[in-house]
Every structure is written in C-alpha cells, then in structure tokens.
N, C-alpha and C. Protein backbone atom coordinates (compact mmCIF):
# COMPACT_ATOMS: atom_id res chain seq x y z
N MET A 1 32.55 139.39 88.98
CA MET A 1 34.00 139.01 89.43
C MET A 1 34.99 138.98 88.30
N SER A 2 36.28 139.86 88.66
CA SER A 2 37.07 139.69 87.59
C SER A 2 38.20 138.85 87.91
N VAL A 3 38.50 138.14 87.06
CA VAL A 3 39.29 137.27 86.87
C VAL A 3 40.79 137.26 86.27
N LYS A 4 41.98 136.77 86.96
CA LYS A 4 43.24 137.03 86.28
C LYS A 4 43.75 135.54 86.34
N ILE A 5 44.50 135.04 85.23
CA ILE A 5 45.22 134.24 85.18
C ILE A 5 46.54 134.50 85.39
N ARG A 6 47.29 134.25 86.37
CA ARG A 6 48.59 134.51 86.72
C ARG A 6 49.53 133.33 87.38
N LEU A 7 50.58 133.82 88.05
CA LEU A 7 51.70 132.75 88.40
C LEU A 7 51.64 132.80 89.83
N GLN A 8 51.34 132.08 90.74
CA GLN A 8 51.83 132.00 92.03
C GLN A 8 52.97 131.20 92.37
N ARG A 9 53.54 131.94 93.09
CA ARG A 9 55.07 131.42 93.69
C ARG A 9 54.95 130.39 94.72
N HIS A 10 56.09 129.53 94.06
CA HIS A 10 56.25 128.35 95.19
C HIS A 10 57.86 127.91 95.10
N GLY A 11 58.38 126.99 95.71
CA GLY A 11 59.67 126.57 95.67
C GLY A 11 60.52 127.35 96.46
N LYS A 12 61.88 126.98 96.53
CA LYS A 12 62.92 127.31 97.26
C LYS A 12 63.35 128.95 96.88
N LYS A 13 64.32 129.48 97.71
CA LYS A 13 64.67 130.74 97.53
C LYS A 13 65.91 130.39 96.42
N GLY A 14 66.13 131.10 95.38
CA GLY A 14 66.88 130.83 94.15
C GLY A 14 66.31 130.21 93.72
N LYS A 15 65.37 129.19 93.60
CA LYS A 15 64.67 128.19 92.45
C LYS A 15 63.30 128.62 92.78
N PRO A 16 62.70 129.60 92.08
CA PRO A 16 61.35 129.66 92.18
C PRO A 16 60.60 128.65 91.32
N PHE A 17 59.54 128.31 91.76
CA PHE A 17 58.61 127.03 91.01
C PHE A 17 57.29 127.74 91.04
N TYR A 18 56.66 127.82 89.84
CA TYR A 18 55.32 128.53 89.94
C TYR A 18 53.91 127.69 89.70
N TRP A 19 52.94 128.05 90.16
CA TRP A 19 51.54 127.45 89.90
C TRP A 19 50.99 128.43 88.88
N ILE A 20 50.48 127.88 87.63
CA ILE A 20 49.50 128.86 86.90
C ILE A 20 48.11 128.55 87.28
N VAL A 21 47.33 129.92 87.96
CA VAL A 21 46.32 129.57 88.57
C VAL A 21 45.43 130.89 87.99
N ALA A 22 43.94 130.51 88.09
CA ALA A 22 42.90 131.28 87.75
C ALA A 22 42.65 131.91 89.39
N ALA A 23 42.47 133.36 89.59
CA ALA A 23 42.45 133.87 90.77
C ALA A 23 41.35 135.16 90.77
N ASP A 24 41.01 135.50 91.64
CA ASP A 24 40.16 136.60 91.86
C ASP A 24 41.08 137.65 91.47
N ALA A 25 40.84 138.74 90.64
CA ALA A 25 41.94 139.74 90.62
C ALA A 25 42.37 140.40 91.96
N ARG A 26 41.34 140.58 93.26
CA ARG A 26 41.46 141.25 94.23
C ARG A 26 42.55 140.55 95.36
N ALA A 27 42.61 139.23 94.95
CA ALA A 27 43.21 138.49 95.70
C ALA A 27 44.89 138.53 95.77
N LYS A 28 45.68 138.01 97.07
CA LYS A 28 46.83 138.33 96.87
C LYS A 28 47.74 137.46 96.09
N ARG A 29 48.68 137.84 95.70
CA ARG A 29 49.56 137.02 94.30
C ARG A 29 49.55 135.59 94.88
N ASP A 30 49.88 135.22 96.26
CA ASP A 30 50.21 133.84 96.60
C ASP A 30 48.88 133.18 97.71
N GLY A 31 47.94 134.36 97.36
CA GLY A 31 46.71 133.48 98.35
C GLY A 31 45.90 132.85 97.44
N ARG A 32 44.62 132.89 98.05
CA ARG A 32 43.56 131.87 97.55
C ARG A 32 43.41 131.99 96.01
N TYR A 33 43.02 130.89 95.18
CA TYR A 33 42.58 130.94 93.87
C TYR A 33 41.66 129.98 93.48
N LEU A 34 40.91 130.35 92.18
CA LEU A 34 39.76 129.78 91.84
C LEU A 34 40.11 128.30 91.33
N GLU A 35 41.24 128.21 90.58
CA GLU A 35 41.46 126.90 89.67
C GLU A 35 42.87 126.91 89.44
N LYS A 36 43.47 125.67 89.91
CA LYS A 36 45.01 125.34 89.37
C LYS A 36 44.98 124.97 87.83
N LEU A 37 45.79 125.49 86.88
CA LEU A 37 45.80 125.20 85.76
C LEU A 37 47.13 124.60 85.14
N GLY A 38 48.01 124.60 86.20
CA GLY A 38 49.35 124.15 85.60
C GLY A 38 50.58 124.41 86.38
N THR A 39 51.75 124.23 85.97
CA THR A 39 52.96 124.41 86.38
C THR A 39 54.05 125.07 85.34
N TYR A 40 54.64 125.72 85.96
CA TYR A 40 55.95 126.46 85.33
C TYR A 40 57.09 126.49 86.23
N ASN A 41 58.32 125.69 85.45
CA ASN A 41 59.71 125.63 86.40
C ASN A 41 60.56 126.07 85.37
N PRO A 42 61.27 127.42 85.76
CA PRO A 42 62.16 127.72 84.86
C PRO A 42 63.69 127.90 85.08
N ASN A 43 63.64 126.93 86.09
CA ASN A 43 65.22 126.34 86.37
C ASN A 43 65.49 125.44 85.27
N THR A 44 64.81 125.07 84.46
CA THR A 44 65.87 124.15 83.58
C THR A 44 65.56 124.92 82.02
N ASN A 45 66.71 124.39 81.17
CA ASN A 45 66.77 124.87 79.98
C ASN A 45 66.17 123.82 78.73
N PRO A 46 65.42 123.88 77.96
CA PRO A 46 64.10 124.86 78.17
C PRO A 46 63.18 124.70 79.60
N ALA A 47 62.75 125.45 79.65
CA ALA A 47 61.50 125.82 81.20
C ALA A 47 60.61 124.28 80.82
N ILE A 48 60.35 123.91 81.84
CA ILE A 48 59.08 122.89 81.92
C ILE A 48 57.99 123.62 82.10
N ILE A 49 57.00 123.35 81.40
CA ILE A 49 55.78 123.78 81.42
C ILE A 49 54.57 122.94 81.38
N ASN A 50 53.78 122.63 82.29
CA ASN A 50 52.38 121.70 81.94
C ASN A 50 51.38 122.48 82.39
N LEU A 51 50.37 122.56 81.38
CA LEU A 51 49.24 123.50 81.30
C LEU A 51 48.15 122.99 80.83
N ASP A 52 46.79 123.08 81.38
CA ASP A 52 45.72 122.47 81.00
C ASP A 52 45.20 123.25 80.16
N VAL A 53 45.28 122.88 78.98
CA VAL A 53 44.96 123.96 77.71
C VAL A 53 43.52 124.15 77.66
N ASP A 54 42.68 123.11 77.81
CA ASP A 54 41.06 123.50 77.61
C ASP A 54 41.02 124.27 78.90
N GLY A 55 41.00 124.13 80.01
CA GLY A 55 40.80 124.74 81.08
C GLY A 55 41.18 126.20 80.99
N ALA A 56 42.47 126.37 80.53
CA ALA A 56 42.87 127.85 80.18
C ALA A 56 42.14 128.80 79.55
N VAL A 57 41.56 127.75 77.98
CA VAL A 57 40.72 128.61 76.98
C VAL A 57 39.39 128.66 77.71
N LYS A 58 39.09 127.68 78.68
CA LYS A 58 37.64 128.15 79.23
C LYS A 58 37.60 129.60 80.30
N TRP A 59 38.64 129.42 80.91
CA TRP A 59 38.53 130.77 81.81
C TRP A 59 38.61 131.95 80.64
N LEU A 60 39.68 131.87 79.75
CA LEU A 60 39.87 132.96 78.46
C LEU A 60 38.35 133.45 77.93
N GLN A 61 37.66 132.22 77.70
CA GLN A 61 36.37 132.82 76.95
C GLN A 61 35.45 133.27 77.83
N ASP A 62 35.69 132.68 79.38
CA ASP A 62 34.74 133.35 80.30
C ASP A 62 34.78 134.93 80.61
N GLY A 63 36.20 135.33 79.97
CA GLY A 63 36.60 136.76 80.08
C GLY A 63 38.04 137.06 81.41
N ALA A 64 38.43 135.95 81.57
CA ALA A 64 39.53 135.97 82.40
C ALA A 64 40.87 136.72 81.30
N GLN A 65 41.53 137.56 82.38
CA GLN A 65 42.70 138.10 81.95
C GLN A 65 43.93 137.62 82.32
N PRO A 66 44.87 137.25 81.36
CA PRO A 66 46.28 136.80 81.74
C PRO A 66 47.28 137.97 82.14
N THR A 67 48.09 137.56 83.00
CA THR A 67 48.84 138.57 83.54
C THR A 67 50.14 138.62 82.15
N ASP A 68 51.18 139.46 81.81
CA ASP A 68 52.04 139.60 80.88
C ASP A 68 53.05 138.10 80.64
N THR A 69 53.09 137.80 81.71
CA THR A 69 54.24 136.41 81.81
C THR A 69 53.27 135.24 81.63
N ALA A 70 51.90 135.05 82.27
CA ALA A 70 50.88 134.05 82.16
C ALA A 70 50.59 134.21 80.80
N LYS A 71 50.52 135.12 79.84
CA LYS A 71 50.16 135.44 78.63
C LYS A 71 51.29 134.90 77.89
N GLY A 72 52.41 135.06 78.04
CA GLY A 72 53.19 134.22 77.09
C GLY A 72 53.28 133.02 77.31
N ILE A 73 53.40 132.16 78.49
CA ILE A 73 52.94 131.02 78.64
C ILE A 73 52.12 130.11 78.32
N LEU A 74 50.89 130.95 78.12
CA LEU A 74 49.73 130.25 77.12
C LEU A 74 49.91 130.53 75.74
N SER A 75 50.42 131.38 75.16
CA SER A 75 50.79 131.44 73.82
C SER A 75 51.66 130.40 73.51
N TYR A 76 52.67 130.00 74.26
CA TYR A 76 53.98 129.08 74.31
C TYR A 76 53.31 127.81 74.12
N LYS A 77 52.13 127.53 74.79
CA LYS A 77 51.42 126.00 74.64
C LYS A 77 50.20 126.03 74.06
N GLY A 78 50.14 127.17 73.22
CA GLY A 78 48.84 127.22 72.20
C GLY A 78 47.41 127.47 72.85
N ALA A 79 47.54 127.72 73.98
CA ALA A 79 46.24 128.32 74.77
C ALA A 79 45.30 129.31 73.95
N MET A 80 46.26 130.54 73.76
CA MET A 80 45.82 131.65 73.27
C MET A 80 45.49 131.48 71.48
N LEU A 81 46.18 130.83 70.78
CA LEU A 81 45.87 130.40 69.62
C LEU A 81 44.19 129.44 69.94
N LYS A 82 44.42 128.31 70.45
CA LYS A 82 43.01 127.88 70.52
C LYS A 82 41.75 128.66 70.55
N ASN A 83 42.10 129.43 71.78
CA ASN A 83 40.83 130.81 72.08
C ASN A 83 40.80 131.24 70.87
N HIS A 84 41.41 131.75 70.03
CA HIS A 84 41.24 132.63 68.88
C HIS A 84 40.57 131.76 67.96
N LEU A 85 40.87 130.33 67.53
CA LEU A 85 40.40 129.49 66.35
C LEU A 85 38.90 129.15 67.15
N LEU A 86 38.67 129.26 68.44
CA LEU A 86 37.35 128.87 68.87
C LEU A 86 36.24 130.31 68.49
N GLY A 87 36.96 131.25 68.93
CA GLY A 87 36.24 132.56 68.64
C GLY A 87 35.69 132.46 66.99
N GLY A 88 36.74 132.00 66.44
CA GLY A 88 36.62 132.06 64.82
C GLY A 88 35.28 131.06 64.81
N VAL A 89 35.24 129.77 65.26
CA VAL A 89 33.93 128.75 65.21
C VAL A 89 32.91 129.62 65.47
N LYS A 90 32.94 130.43 66.53
CA LYS A 90 31.62 131.10 66.95
C LYS A 90 31.03 132.02 65.87
N LYS A 91 31.93 132.67 65.15
CA LYS A 91 31.72 133.68 64.46
C LYS A 91 31.11 132.96 62.85
N GLY A 92 31.56 131.58 62.83
CA GLY A 92 31.12 130.90 61.65
C GLY A 92 32.21 131.24 60.52
N ALA A 93 33.64 131.48 60.70
CA ALA A 93 34.55 131.45 59.94
C ALA A 93 35.25 130.14 59.69
N LEU A 94 35.14 129.29 60.97
CA LEU A 94 35.78 128.09 60.72
C LEU A 94 34.59 126.98 61.33
N THR A 95 35.05 125.86 60.99
CA THR A 95 34.18 124.60 61.33
C THR A 95 35.08 124.23 62.66
N GLU A 96 34.62 123.40 63.42
CA GLU A 96 35.20 122.91 64.59
C GLU A 96 36.29 122.03 63.93
N GLU A 97 36.28 121.06 63.02
CA GLU A 97 37.05 120.37 62.76
C GLU A 97 38.47 121.04 61.82
N GLN A 98 38.01 122.10 61.20
CA GLN A 98 39.01 123.00 60.75
C GLN A 98 39.60 123.35 61.89
N ALA A 99 39.31 124.12 62.92
CA ALA A 99 39.61 124.77 64.16
C ALA A 99 40.86 123.62 64.54
N GLU A 100 40.31 122.66 64.81
CA GLU A 100 40.94 121.25 65.13
C GLU A 100 42.17 121.07 64.63
N GLU A 101 41.90 120.83 63.04
CA GLU A 101 43.14 120.63 62.39
C GLU A 101 44.31 121.45 62.14
N LYS A 102 43.89 122.99 62.26
CA LYS A 102 44.89 124.12 62.46
C LYS A 102 45.45 123.96 63.59
N PHE A 103 44.83 123.65 64.77
CA PHE A 103 45.61 123.67 66.15
C PHE A 103 46.37 122.37 66.11
N GLN A 104 46.18 121.43 65.77
CA GLN A 104 46.94 120.19 65.62
C GLN A 104 48.25 120.24 64.69
N ALA A 105 48.14 121.20 63.63
CA ALA A 105 49.16 121.39 62.80
C ALA A 105 50.02 122.31 63.59
N TRP A 106 49.78 123.25 64.36
CA TRP A 106 50.59 123.99 65.22
C TRP A 106 51.26 123.44 66.13
N LEU A 107 50.47 122.49 66.67
CA LEU A 107 51.28 121.71 67.83
C LEU A 107 52.68 120.50 67.38
N ASP A 108 52.25 120.19 66.27
CA ASP A 108 53.26 119.48 65.69
C ASP A 108 54.55 120.29 64.96
N SER A 109 53.91 121.35 64.38
CA SER A 109 55.05 122.24 64.35
C SER A 109 55.87 122.82 65.35
N LYS A 110 55.15 122.83 66.58
CA LYS A 110 55.67 123.70 67.99
C LYS A 110 56.64 122.56 68.48
N ALA A 111 56.10 121.12 68.22
CA ALA A 111 57.08 120.17 68.62
C ALA A 111 58.16 119.78 68.07
N GLY A 112 58.38 120.14 66.81
CA GLY A 112 59.61 119.99 66.13
C GLY A 112 60.28 121.14 66.41
N LYS A 113 59.93 122.44 66.81
CA LYS A 113 61.05 123.29 66.97
C LYS A 113 61.34 122.91 68.39
N VAL A 114 60.77 122.61 69.47
CA VAL A 114 60.94 122.03 70.51
C VAL A 114 62.27 121.00 70.66
N ALA A 115 61.95 120.34 69.76
CA ALA A 115 62.79 119.01 69.43
C ALA A 115 64.34 119.36 69.03
N SER A 116 64.24 120.41 68.07
CA SER A 116 65.57 121.04 67.62
C SER A 116 66.30 121.93 68.61
N LYS A 117 65.34 122.34 69.37
CA LYS A 117 66.26 123.51 70.26
C LYS A 117 67.16 122.65 71.57
N GLU A 118 66.02 121.55 71.64
CA GLU A 118 66.78 120.58 72.65
C GLU A 118 67.69 119.70 72.14
N GLU A 119 67.96 119.67 70.96
CA GLU A 119 69.06 118.92 70.16
C GLU A 119 70.48 119.95 70.08
N THR A 120 69.96 121.05 69.87
CA THR A 120 70.97 122.12 69.73
C THR A 120 71.67 122.45 71.20
N LEU A 121 70.90 122.65 72.25
CA LEU A 121 71.23 122.60 73.58
C LEU A 121 72.01 121.33 74.12
N ALA A 122 71.96 120.31 73.78
CA ALA A 122 72.41 118.90 73.85
C ALA A 122 73.80 118.84 73.40
N LYS A 123 73.78 119.46 72.24
CA LYS A 123 74.92 119.24 71.39
C LYS A 123 76.13 120.37 71.87
N ALA A 124 75.37 121.75 72.23
CA ALA A 124 76.15 122.71 72.57
C ALA A 124 76.90 122.32 74.20
N LYS A 125 76.08 121.58 74.94
CA LYS A 125 76.50 121.05 76.41
C LYS A 125 77.82 120.33 75.89
N ALA A 126 77.27 119.11 75.04
CA ALA A 126 78.57 118.27 74.84
C ALA A 126 79.89 118.98 74.39
N ASP A 127 79.63 119.65 73.63
CA ASP A 127 80.64 120.75 73.05
C ASP A 127 81.66 121.39 74.13
N ALA A 128 80.72 121.92 74.87
CA ALA A 128 81.56 122.65 76.24
C ALA A 128 82.12 121.85 77.20
N LYS A 129 81.86 120.28 77.37
CA LYS A 129 82.19 119.50 77.96
C LYS A 129 83.57 119.03 77.39
N ALA A 130 83.48 118.86 76.02
CA ALA A 130 84.66 118.43 75.53
C ALA A 130 85.73 119.18 75.55
N LYS A 131 85.25 120.67 75.42
CA LYS A 131 86.27 121.64 75.39
C LYS A 131 86.90 121.77 76.83
N ALA A 132 86.07 121.36 77.74
CA ALA A 132 86.66 121.43 79.37
C ALA A 132 87.48 120.57 79.80
N LEU A 133 87.42 119.43 78.86
CA LEU A 133 88.09 118.10 79.13
C LEU A 133 89.60 118.21 78.37
N GLU A 134 89.32 119.04 77.24
CA GLU A 134 90.66 119.32 76.87
C GLU A 134 91.43 120.54 77.54
N ALA A 135 90.59 121.47 77.90
CA ALA A 135 91.42 122.42 78.75
C ALA A 135 92.10 121.62 79.96
N GLU A 136 91.60 120.78 80.53
CA GLU A 136 91.84 120.23 81.94
C GLU A 136 93.20 119.19 81.29
N LYS A 137 93.14 118.81 80.27
CA LYS A 137 94.20 118.00 79.83
C LYS A 137 95.46 118.58 79.48
N ALA A 138 95.28 119.91 79.06
CA ALA A 138 96.26 120.71 78.53
C ALA A 138 97.17 120.96 79.98
N VAL A 139 96.10 121.64 80.76
CA VAL A 139 96.54 122.08 82.19
C VAL A 139 97.51 120.98 82.93
N ASN A 140 97.36 119.72 82.68
CA ASN A 140 97.57 118.33 83.46
C ASN A 140 98.88 118.41 83.02
N GLU A 141 98.78 118.29 81.21
CA GLU A 141 100.34 118.29 80.51
C GLU A 141 101.37 119.45 80.88
N ALA A 142 100.78 120.55 81.07
CA ALA A 142 101.77 121.68 81.40
C ALA A 142 102.52 121.52 82.98
N ARG A 143 101.57 121.28 83.95
CA ARG A 143 102.02 120.87 85.18
C ARG A 143 103.07 119.85 85.05
N ILE A 144 102.85 118.75 84.36
CA ILE A 144 103.55 117.71 84.53
C ILE A 144 105.08 118.12 83.64
N ALA A 145 105.24 118.86 82.74
CA ALA A 145 106.21 119.32 82.26
C ALA A 145 107.06 120.19 83.03
N VAL A 146 106.33 121.05 83.67
CA VAL A 146 106.53 121.89 84.94
C VAL A 146 107.57 121.06 86.02
N GLU A 147 107.04 119.95 86.51
CA GLU A 147 107.43 119.10 87.27
C GLU A 147 108.76 118.60 86.95
N GLU A 148 108.81 118.17 85.53
CA GLU A 148 110.09 117.44 84.79
C GLU A 148 110.98 118.44 84.90
N VAL A 149 111.09 119.63 84.61
CA VAL A 149 111.98 120.93 84.45
C VAL A 149 112.61 121.04 85.76
N VAL A 150 111.61 121.04 87.21
CA VAL A 150 111.98 121.19 88.32
C VAL A 150 112.95 120.24 88.78
N GLU A 151 112.45 118.54 88.39
CA GLU A 151 113.33 117.72 88.88
C GLU A 151 114.56 117.73 88.19
N GLU A 152 114.74 118.08 86.97
CA GLU A 152 115.88 118.14 86.16
C GLU A 152 116.87 119.18 86.89
N GLU A 153 116.10 120.45 87.16
CA GLU A 153 116.91 121.33 87.85
C GLU A 153 117.59 121.12 89.12
N VAL A 154 116.68 120.13 89.99
CA VAL A 154 117.16 119.81 91.32
C VAL A 154 118.24 118.78 91.13
N VAL A 155 118.21 117.89 90.15
CA VAL A 155 119.27 116.86 89.75
C VAL A 155 120.77 117.63 89.37
N ALA A 156 120.43 118.69 88.36
CA ALA A 156 121.62 119.60 88.21
C ALA A 156 122.53 119.97 89.55
N GLU A 157 121.29 120.81 90.09
CA GLU A 157 121.83 121.33 91.55
C GLU A 157 122.79 120.47 92.36
N THR A 158 122.05 119.11 92.58
CA THR A 158 122.65 118.06 93.29
C THR A 158 123.91 117.78 92.84
N GLU A 159 123.93 117.74 91.59
CA GLU A 159 125.21 117.22 91.00
C GLU A 159 126.39 118.18 91.27
N VAL A 160 125.78 119.56 91.02
CA VAL A 160 127.12 120.52 91.07
C VAL A 160 127.50 120.79 92.45
N GLU A 161 126.50 120.28 93.50
CA GLU A 161 126.87 120.20 94.85
C GLU A 161 127.98 119.41 95.26
N ALA A 162 127.53 118.26 94.54
CA ALA A 162 128.52 117.11 94.78
C ALA A 162 129.72 117.40 94.25
N VAL A 163 130.15 118.15 93.31
CA VAL A 163 131.32 118.16 92.27
C VAL A 163 131.93 119.45 93.37
N ALA A 164 131.08 120.05 93.85
CA ALA A 164 131.73 121.45 94.97
C ALA A 164 132.50 120.80 96.18
N GLU A 165 131.69 119.97 96.66
CA GLU A 165 131.93 119.27 97.91
C GLU A 165 133.40 118.23 97.45
N ALA A 166 133.34 117.49 96.30
CA ALA A 166 134.61 116.99 95.89
C ALA A 166 135.86 117.74 96.10
N THR A 167 135.75 118.99 95.35
CA THR A 167 136.75 119.76 94.88
C THR A 167 137.23 120.31 96.44
N GLU A 168 135.96 120.53 97.39
CA GLU A 168 136.76 121.19 98.73
C GLU A 168 137.60 120.29 99.25
N GLU A 169 137.14 118.61 99.15
CA GLU A 169 137.91 118.10 100.05
C GLU A 169 139.23 117.74 99.59
N VAL A 170 139.25 117.77 97.96
CA VAL A 170 140.83 117.70 97.62
C VAL A 170 141.31 118.84 97.76
N ALA A 171 140.91 119.96 97.91
CA ALA A 171 141.72 121.31 98.05
C ALA A 171 142.31 121.35 99.67
N GLU A 172 141.41 120.76 100.59
CA GLU A 172 141.86 120.22 101.63
C GLU A 172 143.00 119.53 102.24
N GLU A 173 142.94 118.48 101.28
CA GLU A 173 143.81 117.32 101.84
C GLU A 173 144.80 117.57 100.82
N ALA A 174 145.02 118.24 99.61
CA ALA A 174 146.10 118.43 98.91
C ALA A 174 147.35 119.20 99.36
N PRO A 175 147.13 119.91 100.29
CA PRO A 175 148.41 120.89 101.06
C PRO A 175 149.05 119.96 102.36
N GLU A 176 148.27 118.90 102.65
CA GLU A 176 148.95 118.25 103.67
C GLU A 176 149.67 117.15 102.97
N THR A 177 149.45 116.72 102.06
CA THR A 177 149.78 115.61 101.18
C THR A 177 151.34 116.26 100.46
N GLU A 178 151.04 117.64 100.04
CA GLU A 178 152.55 118.04 99.31
C GLU A 178 153.57 118.44 100.68
N VAL A 179 152.95 118.64 101.94
CA VAL A 179 153.72 118.96 103.18
C VAL A 179 154.67 117.78 103.48
N GLU A 180 153.84 116.87 103.32
CA GLU A 180 154.43 115.40 103.79
C GLU A 180 155.19 115.05 102.55
N ALA A 181 155.23 115.34 101.42
CA ALA A 181 156.22 114.81 100.54
C ALA A 181 157.52 115.51 100.45
N VAL A 182 157.33 116.77 100.93
CA VAL A 182 158.43 117.54 101.14
C VAL A 182 159.40 117.39 102.27
N ALA A 183 158.38 117.14 103.35
CA ALA A 183 159.27 116.42 104.64
C ALA A 183 159.90 115.22 104.52
N GLU A 184 159.49 114.37 103.60
CA GLU A 184 160.08 112.95 103.47
C GLU A 184 161.31 113.53 102.22
N ALA A 185 161.34 114.09 101.89
CA ALA A 185 162.54 114.63 100.52
C ALA A 185 163.50 114.94 101.33
N THR A 186 162.97 115.89 102.13
CA THR A 186 163.89 116.94 103.20
C THR A 186 164.98 115.67 104.08
N GLU A 187 164.07 114.70 104.48
CA GLU A 187 164.83 113.99 105.37
C GLU A 187 165.66 112.97 104.94
N GLU A 188 165.33 112.33 103.54
CA GLU A 188 165.88 111.81 102.66
C GLU A 188 167.53 112.44 102.20
N VAL A 189 167.31 113.60 102.06
CA VAL A 189 168.29 114.23 101.35
C VAL A 189 169.59 114.34 102.83
N ALA A 190 168.75 114.78 103.84
CA ALA A 190 169.73 115.13 105.08
C ALA A 190 170.32 113.81 105.63
N GLU A 191 169.83 112.60 105.23
CA GLU A 191 170.65 111.58 105.52
C GLU A 191 171.57 110.95 104.55
N GLU A 192 171.28 111.49 103.22
CA GLU A 192 172.22 110.93 102.07
C GLU A 192 173.70 111.78 102.33
N ALA A 193 173.14 113.18 102.62
CA ALA A 193 174.21 114.29 102.48
C ALA A 193 175.44 114.01 103.43
N PRO A 194 175.30 113.62 104.68
CA PRO A 194 176.67 113.42 105.31
C PRO A 194 177.20 112.26 104.77
N GLU A 195 176.99 111.42 104.46
CA GLU A 195 177.83 110.32 103.79
C GLU A 195 178.44 110.56 102.78
N THR A 196 178.24 111.42 101.86
CA THR A 196 178.99 111.76 100.62
C THR A 196 179.80 112.83 101.07
N THR A 197 179.53 113.83 102.28
CA THR A 197 180.75 114.49 102.45
C THR A 197 181.68 113.87 103.08
N GLU A 198 181.51 112.77 103.95
CA GLU A 198 182.83 111.78 104.79
C GLU A 198 183.43 111.52 103.90
N GLU A 199 182.89 110.69 102.56
CA GLU A 199 183.44 110.18 101.56
C GLU A 199 184.40 110.86 100.88
N GLU A 200 184.09 111.92 100.52
CA GLU A 200 184.79 113.04 99.51
C GLU A 200 186.02 113.65 100.67
N THR A 201 185.99 113.66 102.02
CA THR A 201 186.96 114.31 102.75
C THR A 201 188.00 113.00 102.73
N LYS A 202 187.57 111.84 102.76
CA LYS A 202 188.40 110.56 102.83
C LYS A 202 189.40 110.71 101.81
N LYS A 203 188.93 110.92 100.71
CA LYS A 203 189.37 111.09 99.15
C LYS A 203 190.35 112.15 99.16
N GLU A 204 189.95 113.49 99.80
CA GLU A 204 190.93 114.39 99.48
C GLU A 204 191.95 114.19 100.72
N GLU A 205 192.01 113.53 101.69
CA GLU A 205 192.92 113.12 102.38
C GLU A 205 194.20 112.19 101.85
N SER A 206 193.43 111.07 101.41
CA SER A 206 194.44 110.09 100.62
C SER A 206 195.16 110.93 99.58
N ALA A 207 194.51 111.50 98.88
CA ALA A 207 195.13 112.47 97.68
C ALA A 207 196.35 113.26 98.16
N GLU A 208 196.21 113.81 99.61
CA GLU A 208 197.09 114.54 99.92
C GLU A 208 198.40 113.61 100.38
C-alpha cells in the first residue's frame, strides 16, 4: 500500500486549519487516514505547527512519501533531517549518540532563529502601532486647528453682521432726526420773524 503524508483541511471558510496525516494515497484528501501526525495553523505569524516528529520519521522510514507542502513542514520541524541522520546510522556512518547530538544542535539553532523572528515581528508590530498612533494624533490636531479657524471665521462674520445692522439702524434713524431738527429751526425762525418786523415798523414810523 502506497502511503502519503499530507494535509487534511479543517477549520472555517477563509481560515483554514490543517491536520498532518499519513493516509492511503488512493484515499480522498479529506477522507479516512491511517494516523494523525500533527496540526498546522497558517492563520498566525509565524504559523503554529505541532508535529509528532518520531511518528513522522517512522512513516518516512516505512516508505511514506510527503506532498510538497507536507515535506516543507516536516523539514521545518526537523523530521526530514532526523530521517536522514537515522539513514546514516543504518549505514554505519554515524552512531545513534552522534545522530542525536547533531539533531539536538539543529533544534537549538532552529529555536534561536524562531525566537529572533518572533522578536522582529513583535518589534515591527510595535513600530506600526506607534506610527498609527502618531498619524491619528496628527489627524486630531489638524481637525482641531480647522475647527478653531472655522470658529474664528464665524465670530468675524457675526461681528461684521452686527456692524452692518448697527449701520442700517443709524442710516434709518438719521433722516428722521435731520427733518425734525429742520422743522424745529423753521418754527423758531417763523416765530421770531414777525416780532422783529413789527419793531422795525414802529421805529420807522416814529422816525417819520
């Protein structure tokens, strides 16, 4: 029986979650499997992979063939390397202790790289958040400045309108005041004029 190590899809639409399984090559992708070897969650950065390395190595030594994606995952977790080292042990090129030592050294190096990547991602995320906050602050300050300018323009327009209204009131009242003043002056002249004429007449008659 030909065996494949492949991914079996689970999860929601748009958020896939995979099982890593050993299955008959003739079985459907999401059908029956022989053994579940781990899980793969690509929805995080870095992706979360849980793998039974020894179980995967056992199937590899029994002739199971991984798909391209599964092979990448097995390499990432060290299953392909361990299978290679055990092949060297079988050929007598390495002892089991040496193979285990080499594999452990690789795991330590891999853990350091993963930690470094996580630190870089965390720093990038923090920087992006800080830039977003600065951009939001700048937008808020610009909005406040615009509101202040608008308020000043409104106040200026209100003052202009007030002056215009006052000017109109003065213009409307001025003619009436002038007319009344002229009328009063005319009446005073009219009242004084006759008296002055009679006195002059009497003087003229006395003189004669």
